[in-house]
């Protein structure tokens, strides 16, 4: 006589298989957004709205979504202001990948490379005691670095790529 299957054991195995498959799918990078736009301030403004919508739709809380948008505003405005300072017909490619623990945002462009082909240190600007003497710049990379997990930069075949990673589960 063949023993009857234990329904509870079979249900437990099915649940474990489903849970394992879900974890496996969560670990596969998923593209949230891919855009191509011109190197203009107007295009950057429109793109920032798309970035915020994509990360919010992926479940990021409002504060963290705002922080990602702020860091991306700094990064993209730096590209437009510095890499395309002498021309307006530049091309910027942006992609957002959803990883298990982070958002990976890539900015590729055909503008002027970063000085020394490396990222700025991102040290805080020196601030004196007088408001009238505050520096015009020097805050952007410090701000960006305070909002990201890490950043990489590369320059190949006349294309620059900046990759910023943001936590999917920030502390705040």
Protein backbone atom coordinates (compact mmCIF):
# COMPACT_ATOMS: atom_id res chain seq x y z
CA UNK A 1 0.00 0.00 0.00
CA UNK A 2 1.35 3.42 -1.05
CA UNK A 3 1.45 6.08 1.71
CA UNK A 4 -0.72 9.14 1.21
CA UNK A 5 1.18 12.40 0.62
CA UNK A 6 1.39 14.72 3.58
CA UNK A 7 -0.50 17.82 2.41
CA UNK A 8 1.13 20.10 4.96
CA UNK A 9 4.62 18.99 3.92
CA UNK A 10 3.81 19.45 0.22
CA UNK A 11 2.35 22.92 0.88
CA UNK A 12 5.50 23.84 2.87
CA UNK A 13 7.75 22.69 -0.03
CA UNK A 14 5.69 24.71 -2.52
CA UNK A 15 5.88 27.79 -0.31
CA UNK A 16 9.67 27.40 0.06
CA UNK A 17 10.07 27.02 -3.73
CA UNK A 18 7.96 30.13 -4.32
CA UNK A 19 9.92 32.07 -1.71
CA UNK A 20 13.24 30.98 -3.30
CA UNK A 21 12.02 31.98 -6.77
CA UNK A 22 10.91 35.39 -5.48
CA UNK A 23 14.29 36.01 -3.84
CA UNK A 24 16.03 34.98 -7.07
CA UNK A 25 13.91 37.41 -9.10
CA UNK A 26 14.58 40.21 -6.62
CA UNK A 27 18.32 39.74 -7.12
CA UNK A 28 18.10 40.16 -10.92
CA UNK A 29 18.71 43.77 -11.99
CA UNK A 30 15.65 45.34 -13.59
CA UNK A 31 15.66 48.36 -15.86
CA UNK A 32 13.37 51.11 -14.55
CA UNK A 33 14.15 53.88 -17.01
CA UNK A 34 16.25 54.61 -20.10
CA UNK A 35 16.30 58.08 -21.58
CA UNK A 36 18.23 60.02 -24.19
CA UNK A 37 18.10 63.81 -24.08
CA UNK A 38 19.93 66.95 -25.15
CA UNK A 39 22.37 68.74 -22.86
CA UNK A 40 20.09 71.62 -21.90
CA UNK A 41 18.77 72.85 -18.57
CA UNK A 42 15.18 72.38 -19.77
CA UNK A 43 15.84 68.74 -20.69
CA UNK A 44 17.47 68.15 -17.29
CA UNK A 45 14.40 69.58 -15.50
CA UNK A 46 12.08 67.24 -17.40
CA UNK A 47 14.38 64.28 -16.80
CA UNK A 48 14.45 64.91 -13.02
CA UNK A 49 10.68 64.45 -12.91
CA UNK A 50 11.03 61.13 -14.75
CA UNK A 51 13.74 59.97 -12.33
CA UNK A 52 11.64 60.84 -9.27
CA UNK A 53 8.60 59.07 -10.72
CA UNK A 54 10.60 55.92 -11.58
CA UNK A 55 12.16 55.51 -8.12
CA UNK A 56 8.88 56.36 -6.35
CA UNK A 57 7.05 53.78 -8.49
CA UNK A 58 9.70 51.24 -7.43
CA UNK A 59 8.69 51.77 -3.81
CA UNK A 60 11.23 54.32 -2.60
CA UNK A 61 9.93 56.47 0.26
CA UNK A 62 9.30 60.19 -0.45
CA UNK A 63 12.32 61.50 1.50
CA UNK A 64 14.71 59.11 -0.22
CA UNK A 65 13.12 59.87 -3.61
CA UNK A 66 13.71 63.59 -3.00
CA UNK A 67 17.33 62.90 -2.04
CA UNK A 68 17.90 60.93 -5.26
CA UNK A 69 16.31 63.73 -7.28
CA UNK A 70 18.51 66.32 -5.52
CA UNK A 71 21.73 64.38 -6.15
CA UNK A 72 20.74 63.78 -9.78
CA UNK A 73 19.96 67.49 -10.23
CA UNK A 74 23.49 68.31 -9.07
CA UNK A 75 25.09 65.64 -11.25
CA UNK A 76 23.12 66.42 -14.41
CA UNK A 77 23.48 70.19 -14.03
CA UNK A 78 27.25 69.66 -13.63
CA UNK A 79 27.27 67.75 -16.91
CA UNK A 80 25.40 70.52 -18.73
CA UNK A 81 27.35 73.40 -17.14
CA UNK A 82 30.85 71.92 -17.31
CA UNK A 83 31.00 69.17 -19.92
CA UNK A 84 28.89 71.07 -22.46
CA UNK A 85 29.86 74.62 -21.55
CA UNK A 86 30.92 75.32 -25.16
CA UNK A 87 28.14 73.53 -27.02
CA UNK A 88 24.44 72.77 -26.71
CA UNK A 89 24.09 69.82 -29.03
CA UNK A 90 25.41 67.24 -26.59
CA UNK A 91 23.77 63.91 -26.02
CA UNK A 92 23.07 62.52 -22.54
CA UNK A 93 21.97 58.93 -21.95
CA UNK A 94 20.50 58.02 -18.60
CA UNK A 95 19.49 54.63 -17.25
CA UNK A 96 18.20 53.45 -13.89
CA UNK A 97 18.58 49.85 -12.81
CA UNK A 98 16.81 48.44 -9.79
CA UNK A 99 19.17 46.12 -7.91
CA UNK A 100 18.45 44.02 -4.84
CA UNK A 101 19.66 46.69 -2.41
CA UNK A 102 20.14 49.81 -4.52
CA UNK A 103 19.31 51.94 -7.53
CA UNK A 104 22.13 52.15 -10.07
CA UNK A 105 21.88 55.33 -12.14
CA UNK A 106 24.18 55.71 -15.13
CA UNK A 107 24.77 59.03 -16.89
CA UNK A 108 26.62 58.71 -20.21
CA UNK A 109 27.53 61.69 -22.38
CA UNK A 110 29.85 62.80 -25.14
CA UNK A 111 30.98 66.04 -23.48
CA UNK A 112 34.30 67.15 -22.06
CA UNK A 113 35.78 64.59 -19.63
CA UNK A 114 36.25 65.28 -15.95
CA UNK A 115 39.57 66.93 -15.06
CA UNK A 116 42.21 64.27 -14.55
CA UNK A 117 39.67 61.65 -15.69
CA UNK A 118 38.50 61.19 -12.11
CA UNK A 119 35.70 62.22 -9.80
CA UNK A 120 36.09 65.32 -7.65
CA UNK A 121 36.94 64.64 -4.01
CA UNK A 122 33.70 66.18 -2.79
CA UNK A 123 35.21 67.93 0.18
CA UNK A 124 33.09 70.66 1.76
CA UNK A 125 33.71 74.21 0.52
CA UNK A 126 35.60 76.51 2.85
CA UNK A 127 33.11 78.92 4.35
CA UNK A 128 34.13 82.10 6.10
CA UNK A 129 32.16 84.04 8.66
CA UNK A 130 30.72 86.59 6.24
CA UNK A 131 27.68 85.80 4.12
CA UNK A 132 28.86 88.22 1.42
CA UNK A 133 32.01 86.12 0.98
CA UNK A 134 30.37 82.72 0.53
CA UNK A 135 31.83 80.81 -2.43
CA UNK A 136 29.75 80.46 -5.60
CA UNK A 137 30.45 76.74 -6.02
CA UNK A 138 32.09 73.80 -4.34
CA UNK A 139 29.01 72.35 -2.69
CA UNK A 140 27.70 69.98 -5.40
CA UNK A 141 30.02 66.99 -5.12
CA UNK A 142 30.00 67.16 -1.33
CA UNK A 143 26.20 67.01 -1.46
CA UNK A 144 26.16 64.20 -4.04
CA UNK A 145 28.60 62.09 -2.03
CA UNK A 146 26.52 62.56 1.13
CA UNK A 147 23.45 61.08 -0.62
CA UNK A 148 24.93 58.07 -2.44
CA UNK A 149 26.40 54.68 -1.58
CA UNK A 150 29.20 55.04 -4.13
CA UNK A 151 30.18 56.54 -7.47
CA UNK A 152 32.38 55.52 -10.38
CA UNK A 153 33.54 57.43 -13.43
CA UNK A 154 35.07 56.26 -16.68
CA UNK A 155 35.97 57.80 -20.04
CA UNK A 156 36.13 55.53 -23.12
CA UNK A 157 35.97 56.25 -26.84
CA UNK A 158 34.87 59.89 -26.36
CA UNK A 159 32.09 58.91 -23.93
CA UNK A 160 31.98 59.64 -20.23
CA UNK A 161 30.05 57.50 -17.78
CA UNK A 162 29.16 58.44 -14.24
CA UNK A 163 27.46 55.73 -12.19
CA UNK A 164 25.81 56.63 -8.89
CA UNK A 165 24.34 54.06 -6.52
CA UNK A 166 21.60 54.95 -4.05
CA UNK A 167 20.26 52.79 -1.23
CA UNK A 168 16.84 51.22 -1.72
CA UNK A 169 16.39 51.12 2.04
CA UNK A 170 17.91 54.32 3.48
CA UNK A 171 18.01 54.85 7.22
CA UNK A 172 15.88 58.03 7.16
